[in-house]
């Protein structure tokens, strides 16, 4: 009999975030790590959709819409959290990250 884990999605997410923080310090590039994390999430979510789908060709747009809506909601909640509770920036890393310019439309 297979035992089911009681680990919450938040505990799992904290493990990914801890690794991302470690890689950000190692690489000294939050943007690079963020892009890699988004790519990894997209790759894993495509795998998830593929194994859950009966006909991925027919369900592709529905999967794109569902995963996109889920991500947008989670990102919105976390942006609101960072607006309410801005992260502390260490003085020695207070340089301006020009990659933020890509957010301007």
PDB file of N, CA and C in Angstrom:
ATOM      1  N   UNK A   1       0.842  -1.181   0.000  1.00  0.00           N
ATOM      2  CA  UNK A   1       0.000   0.000   0.000  1.00  0.00           C
ATOM      3  C   UNK A   1       0.885   1.241   0.000  1.00  0.00           C
ATOM      4  N   UNK A   2       0.534   2.216  -0.815  1.00  0.00           N
ATOM      5  CA  UNK A   2       1.301   3.445  -0.919  1.00  0.00           C
ATOM      6  C   UNK A   2       0.862   4.434   0.150  1.00  0.00           C
ATOM      7  N   UNK A   3       1.836   5.034   0.817  1.00  0.00           N
ATOM      8  CA  UNK A   3       1.533   6.027   1.846  1.00  0.00           C
ATOM      9  C   UNK A   3       1.504   7.414   1.206  1.00  0.00           C
ATOM     10  N   UNK A   4       0.480   8.195   1.503  1.00  0.00           N
ATOM     11  CA  UNK A   4       0.332   9.542   0.971  1.00  0.00           C
ATOM     12  C   UNK A   4       1.024  10.540   1.890  1.00  0.00           C
ATOM     13  N   UNK A   5       1.733  11.490   1.295  1.00  0.00           N
ATOM     14  CA  UNK A   5       2.432  12.516   2.064  1.00  0.00           C
ATOM     15  C   UNK A   5       1.441  13.568   2.550  1.00  0.00           C
ATOM     16  N   UNK A   6       1.702  14.107   3.721  1.00  0.00           N
ATOM     17  CA  UNK A   6       0.883  15.184   4.266  1.00  0.00           C
ATOM     18  C   UNK A   6       1.515  16.553   4.034  1.00  0.00           C
ATOM     19  N   UNK A   7       2.546  16.597   3.203  1.00  0.00           N
ATOM     20  CA  UNK A   7       3.220  17.854   2.916  1.00  0.00           C
ATOM     21  C   UNK A   7       2.265  18.786   2.164  1.00  0.00           C
ATOM     22  N   UNK A   8       2.165  20.027   2.619  1.00  0.00           N
ATOM     23  CA  UNK A   8       1.277  20.990   1.960  1.00  0.00           C
ATOM     24  C   UNK A   8       1.962  21.594   0.737  1.00  0.00           C
ATOM     25  N   UNK A   9       1.156  22.201  -0.127  1.00  0.00           N
ATOM     26  CA  UNK A   9       1.748  22.865  -1.294  1.00  0.00           C
ATOM     27  C   UNK A   9       2.650  24.020  -0.858  1.00  0.00           C
ATOM     28  N   UNK A  10       2.339  24.631   0.259  1.00  0.00           N
ATOM     29  CA  UNK A  10       3.152  25.745   0.750  1.00  0.00           C
ATOM     30  C   UNK A  10       4.512  25.249   1.251  1.00  0.00           C
ATOM     31  N   UNK A  11       4.522  24.093   1.896  1.00  0.00           N
ATOM     32  CA  UNK A  11       5.794  23.513   2.343  1.00  0.00           C
ATOM     33  C   UNK A  11       6.649  23.104   1.145  1.00  0.00           C
ATOM     34  N   UNK A  12       6.022  22.533   0.135  1.00  0.00           N
ATOM     35  CA  UNK A  12       6.757  22.180  -1.085  1.00  0.00           C
ATOM     36  C   UNK A  12       7.291  23.437  -1.771  1.00  0.00           C
ATOM     37  N   UNK A  13       6.448  24.462  -1.856  1.00  0.00           N
ATOM     38  CA  UNK A  13       6.871  25.722  -2.480  1.00  0.00           C
ATOM     39  C   UNK A  13       8.054  26.325  -1.734  1.00  0.00           C
ATOM     40  N   UNK A  14       8.028  26.254  -0.404  1.00  0.00           N
ATOM     41  CA  UNK A  14       9.147  26.775   0.387  1.00  0.00           C
ATOM     42  C   UNK A  14      10.454  26.076   0.043  1.00  0.00           C
ATOM     43  N   UNK A  15      10.388  24.788  -0.285  1.00  0.00           N
ATOM     44  CA  UNK A  15      11.592  24.056  -0.676  1.00  0.00           C
ATOM     45  C   UNK A  15      12.124  24.557  -2.014  1.00  0.00           C
ATOM     46  N   UNK A  16      11.233  24.816  -2.966  1.00  0.00           N
ATOM     47  CA  UNK A  16      11.652  25.385  -4.253  1.00  0.00           C
ATOM     48  C   UNK A  16      12.229  26.788  -4.066  1.00  0.00           C
ATOM     49  N   UNK A  17      11.591  27.582  -3.218  1.00  0.00           N
ATOM     50  CA  UNK A  17      12.055  28.946  -2.961  1.00  0.00           C
ATOM     51  C   UNK A  17      13.423  28.936  -2.291  1.00  0.00           C
ATOM     52  N   UNK A  18      13.626  28.023  -1.362  1.00  0.00           N
ATOM     53  CA  UNK A  18      14.934  27.913  -0.697  1.00  0.00           C
ATOM     54  C   UNK A  18      16.020  27.598  -1.731  1.00  0.00           C
ATOM     55  N   UNK A  19      15.732  26.693  -2.652  1.00  0.00           N
ATOM     56  CA  UNK A  19      16.701  26.369  -3.700  1.00  0.00           C
ATOM     57  C   UNK A  19      16.915  27.572  -4.617  1.00  0.00           C
ATOM     58  N   UNK A  20      15.839  28.263  -4.975  1.00  0.00           N
ATOM     59  CA  UNK A  20      15.960  29.449  -5.831  1.00  0.00           C
ATOM     60  C   UNK A  20      16.790  30.528  -5.140  1.00  0.00           C
ATOM     61  N   UNK A  21      16.591  30.721  -3.834  1.00  0.00           N
ATOM     62  CA  UNK A  21      17.391  31.698  -3.093  1.00  0.00           C
ATOM     63  C   UNK A  21      18.864  31.304  -3.087  1.00  0.00           C
ATOM     64  N   UNK A  22      19.129  30.025  -2.884  1.00  0.00           N
ATOM     65  CA  UNK A  22      20.505  29.526  -2.898  1.00  0.00           C
ATOM     66  C   UNK A  22      21.144  29.753  -4.277  1.00  0.00           C
ATOM     67  N   UNK A  23      20.415  29.423  -5.338  1.00  0.00           N
ATOM     68  CA  UNK A  23      20.936  29.615  -6.691  1.00  0.00           C
ATOM     69  C   UNK A  23      21.114  31.096  -7.024  1.00  0.00           C
ATOM     70  N   UNK A  24      20.216  31.947  -6.506  1.00  0.00           N
ATOM     71  CA  UNK A  24      20.333  33.395  -6.735  1.00  0.00           C
ATOM     72  C   UNK A  24      21.612  33.944  -6.125  1.00  0.00           C
ATOM     73  N   UNK A  25      21.960  33.465  -4.933  1.00  0.00           N
ATOM     74  CA  UNK A  25      23.212  33.896  -4.297  1.00  0.00           C
ATOM     75  C   UNK A  25      24.410  33.364  -5.072  1.00  0.00           C
ATOM     76  N   UNK A  26      24.322  32.123  -5.484  1.00  0.00           N
ATOM     77  CA  UNK A  26      25.410  31.484  -6.222  1.00  0.00           C
ATOM     78  C   UNK A  26      25.631  32.143  -7.583  1.00  0.00           C
ATOM     79  N   UNK A  27      24.550  32.399  -8.305  1.00  0.00           N
ATOM     80  CA  UNK A  27      24.623  32.976  -9.648  1.00  0.00           C
ATOM     81  C   UNK A  27      24.726  34.498  -9.630  1.00  0.00           C
ATOM     82  N   UNK A  28      24.327  35.098  -8.507  1.00  0.00           N
ATOM     83  CA  UNK A  28      24.254  36.556  -8.386  1.00  0.00           C
ATOM     84  C   UNK A  28      23.396  37.167  -9.492  1.00  0.00           C
ATOM     85  N   UNK A  29      22.271  36.486  -9.791  1.00  0.00           N
ATOM     86  CA  UNK A  29      21.391  36.925 -10.867  1.00  0.00           C
ATOM     87  C   UNK A  29      19.976  36.407 -10.611  1.00  0.00           C
ATOM     88  N   UNK A  30      19.173  37.219  -9.920  1.00  0.00           N
ATOM     89  CA  UNK A  30      17.800  36.831  -9.596  1.00  0.00           C
ATOM     90  C   UNK A  30      16.980  36.629 -10.867  1.00  0.00           C
ATOM     91  N   UNK A  31      17.193  37.470 -11.875  1.00  0.00           N
ATOM     92  CA  UNK A  31      16.453  37.354 -13.127  1.00  0.00           C
ATOM     93  C   UNK A  31      16.707  36.033 -13.831  1.00  0.00           C
ATOM     94  N   UNK A  32      17.954  35.602 -13.848  1.00  0.00           N
ATOM     95  CA  UNK A  32      18.314  34.329 -14.481  1.00  0.00           C
ATOM     96  C   UNK A  32      17.654  33.168 -13.746  1.00  0.00           C
ATOM     97  N   UNK A  33      17.695  33.204 -12.431  1.00  0.00           N
ATOM     98  CA  UNK A  33      17.095  32.135 -11.631  1.00  0.00           C
ATOM     99  C   UNK A  33      15.572  32.164 -11.787  1.00  0.00           C
ATOM    100  N   UNK A  34      14.978  33.355 -11.798  1.00  0.00           N
ATOM    101  CA  UNK A  34      13.534  33.460 -11.995  1.00  0.00           C
ATOM    102  C   UNK A  34      13.102  32.905 -13.343  1.00  0.00           C
ATOM    103  N   UNK A  35      13.868  33.206 -14.380  1.00  0.00           N
ATOM    104  CA  UNK A  35      13.561  32.686 -15.712  1.00  0.00           C
ATOM    105  C   UNK A  35      13.683  31.170 -15.737  1.00  0.00           C
ATOM    106  N   UNK A  36      14.736  30.643 -15.107  1.00  0.00           N
ATOM    107  CA  UNK A  36      14.915  29.194 -15.044  1.00  0.00           C
ATOM    108  C   UNK A  36      13.776  28.533 -14.282  1.00  0.00           C
ATOM    109  N   UNK A  37      13.331  29.165 -13.199  1.00  0.00           N
ATOM    110  CA  UNK A  37      12.233  28.620 -12.404  1.00  0.00           C
ATOM    111  C   UNK A  37      10.929  28.622 -13.201  1.00  0.00           C
ATOM    112  N   UNK A  38      10.668  29.703 -13.945  1.00  0.00           N
ATOM    113  CA  UNK A  38       9.467  29.747 -14.791  1.00  0.00           C
ATOM    114  C   UNK A  38       9.524  28.679 -15.877  1.00  0.00           C
ATOM    115  N   UNK A  39      10.716  28.503 -16.479  1.00  0.00           N
ATOM    116  CA  UNK A  39      10.869  27.471 -17.503  1.00  0.00           C
ATOM    117  C   UNK A  39      10.632  26.091 -16.901  1.00  0.00           C
ATOM    118  N   UNK A  40      11.200  25.844 -15.724  1.00  0.00           N
ATOM    119  CA  UNK A  40      11.015  24.552 -15.054  1.00  0.00           C
ATOM    120  C   UNK A  40       9.540  24.314 -14.737  1.00  0.00           C
ATOM    121  N   UNK A  41       8.851  25.359 -14.265  1.00  0.00           N
ATOM    122  CA  UNK A  41       7.423  25.226 -13.965  1.00  0.00           C
ATOM    123  C   UNK A  41       6.638  24.931 -15.240  1.00  0.00           C
ATOM    124  N   UNK A  42       6.953  25.632 -16.319  1.00  0.00           N
ATOM    125  CA  UNK A  42       6.257  25.399 -17.590  1.00  0.00           C
ATOM    126  C   UNK A  42       6.503  23.977 -18.090  1.00  0.00           C
ATOM    127  N   UNK A  43       7.743  23.545 -17.985  1.00  0.00           N
ATOM    128  CA  UNK A  43       8.082  22.194 -18.447  1.00  0.00           C
ATOM    129  C   UNK A  43       7.360  21.130 -17.608  1.00  0.00           C
ATOM    130  N   UNK A  44       7.365  21.319 -16.290  1.00  0.00           N
ATOM    131  CA  UNK A  44       6.711  20.347 -15.426  1.00  0.00           C
ATOM    132  C   UNK A  44       5.195  20.392 -15.603  1.00  0.00           C
ATOM    133  N   UNK A  45       4.617  21.595 -15.756  1.00  0.00           N
ATOM    134  CA  UNK A  45       3.176  21.707 -15.959  1.00  0.00           C
ATOM    135  C   UNK A  45       2.749  21.104 -17.290  1.00  0.00           C
ATOM    136  N   UNK A  46       3.577  21.217 -18.326  1.00  0.00           N
ATOM    137  CA  UNK A  46       3.274  20.568 -19.604  1.00  0.00           C
ATOM    138  C   UNK A  46       3.266  19.050 -19.428  1.00  0.00           C
ATOM    139  N   UNK A  47       4.219  18.536 -18.649  1.00  0.00           N
ATOM    140  CA  UNK A  47       4.260  17.107 -18.326  1.00  0.00           C
ATOM    141  C   UNK A  47       3.003  16.708 -17.561  1.00  0.00           C
ATOM    142  N   UNK A  48       2.632  17.513 -16.562  1.00  0.00           N
ATOM    143  CA  UNK A  48       1.429  17.237 -15.774  1.00  0.00           C
ATOM    144  C   UNK A  48       0.202  17.182 -16.677  1.00  0.00           C
ATOM    145  N   UNK A  49       0.071  18.161 -17.565  1.00  0.00           N
ATOM    146  CA  UNK A  49      -1.065  18.193 -18.489  1.00  0.00           C
ATOM    147  C   UNK A  49      -1.059  16.962 -19.394  1.00  0.00           C
ATOM    148  N   UNK A  50       0.118  16.584 -19.859  1.00  0.00           N
ATOM    149  CA  UNK A  50       0.223  15.438 -20.770  1.00  0.00           C
ATOM    150  C   UNK A  50      -0.211  14.132 -20.105  1.00  0.00           C
ATOM    151  N   UNK A  51       0.166  13.948 -18.830  1.00  0.00           N
ATOM    152  CA  UNK A  51      -0.200  12.677 -18.190  1.00  0.00           C
ATOM    153  C   UNK A  51      -1.641  12.680 -17.679  1.00  0.00           C
ATOM    154  N   UNK A  52      -2.233  13.849 -17.515  1.00  0.00           N
ATOM    155  CA  UNK A  52      -3.616  13.931 -17.041  1.00  0.00           C
ATOM    156  C   UNK A  52      -4.621  13.997 -18.189  1.00  0.00           C
ATOM    157  N   UNK A  53      -4.149  14.290 -19.381  1.00  0.00           N
ATOM    158  CA  UNK A  53      -5.037  14.512 -20.515  1.00  0.00           C
ATOM    159  C   UNK A  53      -5.339  13.226 -21.262  1.00  0.00           C
ATOM    160  N   UNK A  54      -6.565  13.137 -21.728  1.00  0.00           N
ATOM    161  CA  UNK A  54      -6.947  12.038 -22.597  1.00  0.00           C
ATOM    162  C   UNK A  54      -6.529  12.358 -24.026  1.00  0.00           C
ATOM    163  N   UNK A  55      -6.651  13.638 -24.407  1.00  0.00           N
ATOM    164  CA  UNK A  55      -6.303  14.094 -25.756  1.00  0.00           C
ATOM    165  C   UNK A  55      -5.705  15.492 -25.639  1.00  0.00           C
ATOM    166  N   UNK A  56      -4.398  15.562 -25.476  1.00  0.00           N
ATOM    167  CA  UNK A  56      -3.729  16.847 -25.240  1.00  0.00           C
ATOM    168  C   UNK A  56      -3.885  17.798 -26.415  1.00  0.00           C
ATOM    169  N   UNK A  57      -3.932  17.278 -27.617  1.00  0.00           N
ATOM    170  CA  UNK A  57      -4.134  18.146 -28.782  1.00  0.00           C
ATOM    171  C   UNK A  57      -5.457  18.891 -28.643  1.00  0.00           C
ATOM    172  N   UNK A  58      -6.507  18.172 -28.297  1.00  0.00           N
ATOM    173  CA  UNK A  58      -7.830  18.782 -28.157  1.00  0.00           C
ATOM    174  C   UNK A  58      -7.939  19.650 -26.904  1.00  0.00           C
ATOM    175  N   UNK A  59      -7.185  19.292 -25.860  1.00  0.00           N
ATOM    176  CA  UNK A  59      -7.294  19.986 -24.575  1.00  0.00           C
ATOM    177  C   UNK A  59      -6.209  21.022 -24.341  1.00  0.00           C
ATOM    178  N   UNK A  60      -5.334  21.233 -25.324  1.00  0.00           N
ATOM    179  CA  UNK A  60      -4.187  22.128 -25.142  1.00  0.00           C
ATOM    180  C   UNK A  60      -4.622  23.538 -24.740  1.00  0.00           C
ATOM    181  N   UNK A  61      -5.567  24.134 -25.459  1.00  0.00           N
ATOM    182  CA  UNK A  61      -5.984  25.509 -25.146  1.00  0.00           C
ATOM    183  C   UNK A  61      -6.609  25.603 -23.766  1.00  0.00           C
ATOM    184  N   UNK A  62      -7.401  24.602 -23.398  1.00  0.00           N
ATOM    185  CA  UNK A  62      -8.006  24.578 -22.063  1.00  0.00           C
ATOM    186  C   UNK A  62      -6.919  24.481 -20.988  1.00  0.00           C
ATOM    187  N   UNK A  63      -5.915  23.660 -21.240  1.00  0.00           N
ATOM    188  CA  UNK A  63      -4.799  23.539 -20.290  1.00  0.00           C
ATOM    189  C   UNK A  63      -4.039  24.861 -20.189  1.00  0.00           C
ATOM    190  N   UNK A  64      -3.765  25.492 -21.319  1.00  0.00           N
ATOM    191  CA  UNK A  64      -3.087  26.796 -21.304  1.00  0.00           C
ATOM    192  C   UNK A  64      -3.891  27.813 -20.501  1.00  0.00           C
ATOM    193  N   UNK A  65      -5.182  27.849 -20.731  1.00  0.00           N
ATOM    194  CA  UNK A  65      -6.035  28.799 -20.012  1.00  0.00           C
ATOM    195  C   UNK A  65      -6.040  28.507 -18.514  1.00  0.00           C
ATOM    196  N   UNK A  66      -6.157  27.235 -18.137  1.00  0.00           N
ATOM    197  CA  UNK A  66      -6.223  26.875 -16.724  1.00  0.00           C
ATOM    198  C   UNK A  66      -4.916  27.190 -16.004  1.00  0.00           C
ATOM    199  N   UNK A  67      -3.781  26.729 -16.566  1.00  0.00           N
ATOM    200  CA  UNK A  67      -2.494  26.979 -15.922  1.00  0.00           C
ATOM    201  C   UNK A  67      -2.192  28.476 -15.872  1.00  0.00           C
ATOM    202  N   UNK A  68      -2.528  29.202 -16.931  1.00  0.00           N
ATOM    203  CA  UNK A  68      -2.283  30.649 -16.958  1.00  0.00           C
ATOM    204  C   UNK A  68      -3.104  31.368 -15.895  1.00  0.00           C
ATOM    205  N   UNK A  69      -4.369  30.995 -15.752  1.00  0.00           N
ATOM    206  CA  UNK A  69      -5.231  31.613 -14.742  1.00  0.00           C
ATOM    207  C   UNK A  69      -4.732  31.299 -13.335  1.00  0.00           C
ATOM    208  N   UNK A  70      -4.307  30.055 -13.112  1.00  0.00           N
ATOM    209  CA  UNK A  70      -3.765  29.672 -11.805  1.00  0.00           C
ATOM    210  C   UNK A  70      -2.527  30.500 -11.472  1.00  0.00           C
ATOM    211  N   UNK A  71      -1.604  30.612 -12.437  1.00  0.00           N
ATOM    212  CA  UNK A  71      -0.371  31.362 -12.210  1.00  0.00           C
ATOM    213  C   UNK A  71      -0.684  32.837 -11.970  1.00  0.00           C
ATOM    214  N   UNK A  72      -1.563  33.391 -12.777  1.00  0.00           N
ATOM    215  CA  UNK A  72      -1.911  34.815 -12.641  1.00  0.00           C
ATOM    216  C   UNK A  72      -2.480  35.105 -11.254  1.00  0.00           C
ATOM    217  N   UNK A  73      -3.360  34.246 -10.761  1.00  0.00           N
ATOM    218  CA  UNK A  73      -3.952  34.441  -9.441  1.00  0.00           C
ATOM    219  C   UNK A  73      -2.876  34.356  -8.346  1.00  0.00           C
ATOM    220  N   UNK A  74      -1.996  33.359  -8.449  1.00  0.00           N
ATOM    221  CA  UNK A  74      -0.939  33.207  -7.453  1.00  0.00           C
ATOM    222  C   UNK A  74       0.032  34.383  -7.494  1.00  0.00           C
ATOM    223  N   UNK A  75       0.391  34.821  -8.696  1.00  0.00           N
ATOM    224  CA  UNK A  75       1.304  35.963  -8.839  1.00  0.00           C
ATOM    225  C   UNK A  75       0.654  37.224  -8.285  1.00  0.00           C
ATOM    226  N   UNK A  76      -0.616  37.440  -8.579  1.00  0.00           N
ATOM    227  CA  UNK A  76      -1.324  38.614  -8.088  1.00  0.00           C
ATOM    228  C   UNK A  76      -1.321  38.655  -6.561  1.00  0.00           C
ATOM    229  N   UNK A  77      -1.616  37.524  -5.926  1.00  0.00           N
ATOM    230  CA  UNK A  77      -1.628  37.463  -4.461  1.00  0.00           C
ATOM    231  C   UNK A  77      -0.242  37.757  -3.881  1.00  0.00           C
ATOM    232  N   UNK A  78       0.789  37.220  -4.517  1.00  0.00           N
ATOM    233  CA  UNK A  78       2.144  37.428  -4.007  1.00  0.00           C
ATOM    234  C   UNK A  78       2.657  38.840  -4.275  1.00  0.00           C
ATOM    235  N   UNK A  79       2.256  39.443  -5.394  1.00  0.00           N
ATOM    236  CA  UNK A  79       2.606  40.847  -5.635  1.00  0.00           C
ATOM    237  C   UNK A  79       1.946  41.738  -4.586  1.00  0.00           C
ATOM    238  N   UNK A  80       0.673  41.476  -4.294  1.00  0.00           N
ATOM    239  CA  UNK A  80      -0.019  42.237  -3.251  1.00  0.00           C
ATOM    240  C   UNK A  80       0.695  42.090  -1.913  1.00  0.00           C
ATOM    241  N   UNK A  81       1.169  40.884  -1.617  1.00  0.00           N
ATOM    242  CA  UNK A  81       1.885  40.652  -0.366  1.00  0.00           C
ATOM    243  C   UNK A  81       3.177  41.462  -0.324  1.00  0.00           C
ATOM    244  N   UNK A  82       3.904  41.519  -1.450  1.00  0.00           N
ATOM    245  CA  UNK A  82       5.155  42.284  -1.479  1.00  0.00           C
ATOM    246  C   UNK A  82       4.910  43.798  -1.480  1.00  0.00           C
ATOM    247  N   UNK A  83       3.763  44.218  -1.982  1.00  0.00           N
ATOM    248  CA  UNK A  83       3.402  45.634  -1.895  1.00  0.00           C
ATOM    249  C   UNK A  83       3.149  45.996  -0.427  1.00  0.00           C
ATOM    250  N   UNK A  84       2.427  45.132   0.265  1.00  0.00           N
ATOM    251  CA  UNK A  84       2.116  45.368   1.681  1.00  0.00           C
ATOM    252  C   UNK A  84       3.331  45.161   2.583  1.00  0.00           C
ATOM    253  N   UNK A  85       4.227  44.269   2.188  1.00  0.00           N
ATOM    254  CA  UNK A  85       5.396  43.917   2.999  1.00  0.00           C
ATOM    255  C   UNK A  85       6.641  43.872   2.117  1.00  0.00           C
ATOM    256  N   UNK A  86       7.157  45.043   1.729  1.00  0.00           N
ATOM    257  CA  UNK A  86       8.311  45.054   0.816  1.00  0.00           C
ATOM    258  C   UNK A  86       9.492  44.270   1.385  1.00  0.00           C
ATOM    259  N   UNK A  87      10.176  43.516   0.518  1.00  0.00           N
ATOM    260  CA  UNK A  87      11.333  42.754   0.994  1.00  0.00           C
ATOM    261  C   UNK A  87      12.466  43.689   1.398  1.00  0.00           C
ATOM    262  N   UNK A  88      13.190  43.302   2.429  1.00  0.00           N
ATOM    263  CA  UNK A  88      14.360  44.069   2.859  1.00  0.00           C
ATOM    264  C   UNK A  88      15.494  43.771   1.884  1.00  0.00           C
ATOM    265  N   UNK A  89      16.145  44.814   1.416  1.00  0.00           N
ATOM    266  CA  UNK A  89      17.275  44.665   0.494  1.00  0.00           C
ATOM    267  C   UNK A  89      18.550  44.961   1.272  1.00  0.00           C
ATOM    268  N   UNK A  90      19.490  44.028   1.211  1.00  0.00           N
ATOM    269  CA  UNK A  90      20.773  44.225   1.898  1.00  0.00           C
ATOM    270  C   UNK A  90      21.503  45.414   1.283  1.00  0.00           C
ATOM    271  N   UNK A  91      22.134  46.211   2.127  1.00  0.00           N
ATOM    272  CA  UNK A  91      22.825  47.409   1.646  1.00  0.00           C
ATOM    273  C   UNK A  91      23.911  47.092   0.628  1.00  0.00           C
ATOM    274  N   UNK A  92      24.622  45.969   0.817  1.00  0.00           N
ATOM    275  CA  UNK A  92      25.698  45.641  -0.109  1.00  0.00           C
ATOM    276  C   UNK A  92      25.177  45.167  -1.464  1.00  0.00           C
ATOM    277  N   UNK A  93      23.868  44.864  -1.574  1.00  0.00           N
ATOM    278  CA  UNK A  93      23.311  44.454  -2.864  1.00  0.00           C
ATOM    279  C   UNK A  93      22.253  45.448  -3.330  1.00  0.00           C
ATOM    280  N   UNK A  94      22.431  46.701  -2.971  1.00  0.00           N
ATOM    281  CA  UNK A  94      21.434  47.725  -3.274  1.00  0.00           C
ATOM    282  C   UNK A  94      21.586  48.294  -4.682  1.00  0.00           C
ATOM    283  N   UNK A  95      22.266  47.586  -5.567  1.00  0.00           N
ATOM    284  CA  UNK A  95      22.393  48.062  -6.946  1.00  0.00           C
ATOM    285  C   UNK A  95      21.049  47.956  -7.658  1.00  0.00           C
ATOM    286  N   UNK A  96      20.871  48.754  -8.686  1.00  0.00           N
ATOM    287  CA  UNK A  96      19.624  48.759  -9.437  1.00  0.00           C
ATOM    288  C   UNK A  96      19.666  47.654 -10.473  1.00  0.00           C
ATOM    289  N   UNK A  97      18.650  46.818 -10.490  1.00  0.00           N
ATOM    290  CA  UNK A  97      18.535  45.741 -11.462  1.00  0.00           C
ATOM    291  C   UNK A  97      17.808  46.274 -12.689  1.00  0.00           C
ATOM    292  N   UNK A  98      18.548  46.499 -13.755  1.00  0.00           N
ATOM    293  CA  UNK A  98      17.975  47.077 -14.969  1.00  0.00           C
ATOM    294  C   UNK A  98      16.999  46.140 -15.664  1.00  0.00           C
ATOM    295  N   UNK A  99      17.009  44.854 -15.327  1.00  0.00           N
ATOM    296  CA  UNK A  99      16.098  43.913 -15.977  1.00  0.00           C
ATOM    297  C   UNK A  99      14.642  44.220 -15.652  1.00  0.00           C
ATOM    298  N   UNK A 100      14.407  45.004 -14.611  1.00  0.00           N
ATOM    299  CA  UNK A 100      13.042  45.383 -14.258  1.00  0.00           C
ATOM    300  C   UNK A 100      12.392  46.187 -15.379  1.00  0.00           C
ATOM    301  N   UNK A 101      13.189  46.805 -16.216  1.00  0.00           N
ATOM    302  CA  UNK A 101      12.675  47.591 -17.327  1.00  0.00           C
ATOM    303  C   UNK A 101      11.780  46.767 -18.250  1.00  0.00           C
ATOM    304  N   UNK A 102      11.996  45.462 -18.303  1.00  0.00           N
ATOM    305  CA  UNK A 102      11.177  44.627 -19.175  1.00  0.00           C
ATOM    306  C   UNK A 102       9.720  44.601 -18.756  1.00  0.00           C
ATOM    307  N   UNK A 103       9.417  45.021 -17.523  1.00  0.00           N
ATOM    308  CA  UNK A 103       8.031  45.032 -17.076  1.00  0.00           C
ATOM    309  C   UNK A 103       7.253  46.208 -17.649  1.00  0.00           C
ATOM    310  N   UNK A 104       7.963  47.206 -18.144  1.00  0.00           N
ATOM    311  CA  UNK A 104       7.262  48.365 -18.706  1.00  0.00           C
ATOM    312  C   UNK A 104       6.685  48.019 -20.062  1.00  0.00           C
ATOM    313  N   UNK A 105       5.420  48.367 -20.253  1.00  0.00           N
ATOM    314  CA  UNK A 105       4.752  48.047 -21.513  1.00  0.00           C
ATOM    315  C   UNK A 105       4.675  49.283 -22.380  1.00  0.00           C
TER     316      UNK A 105
END
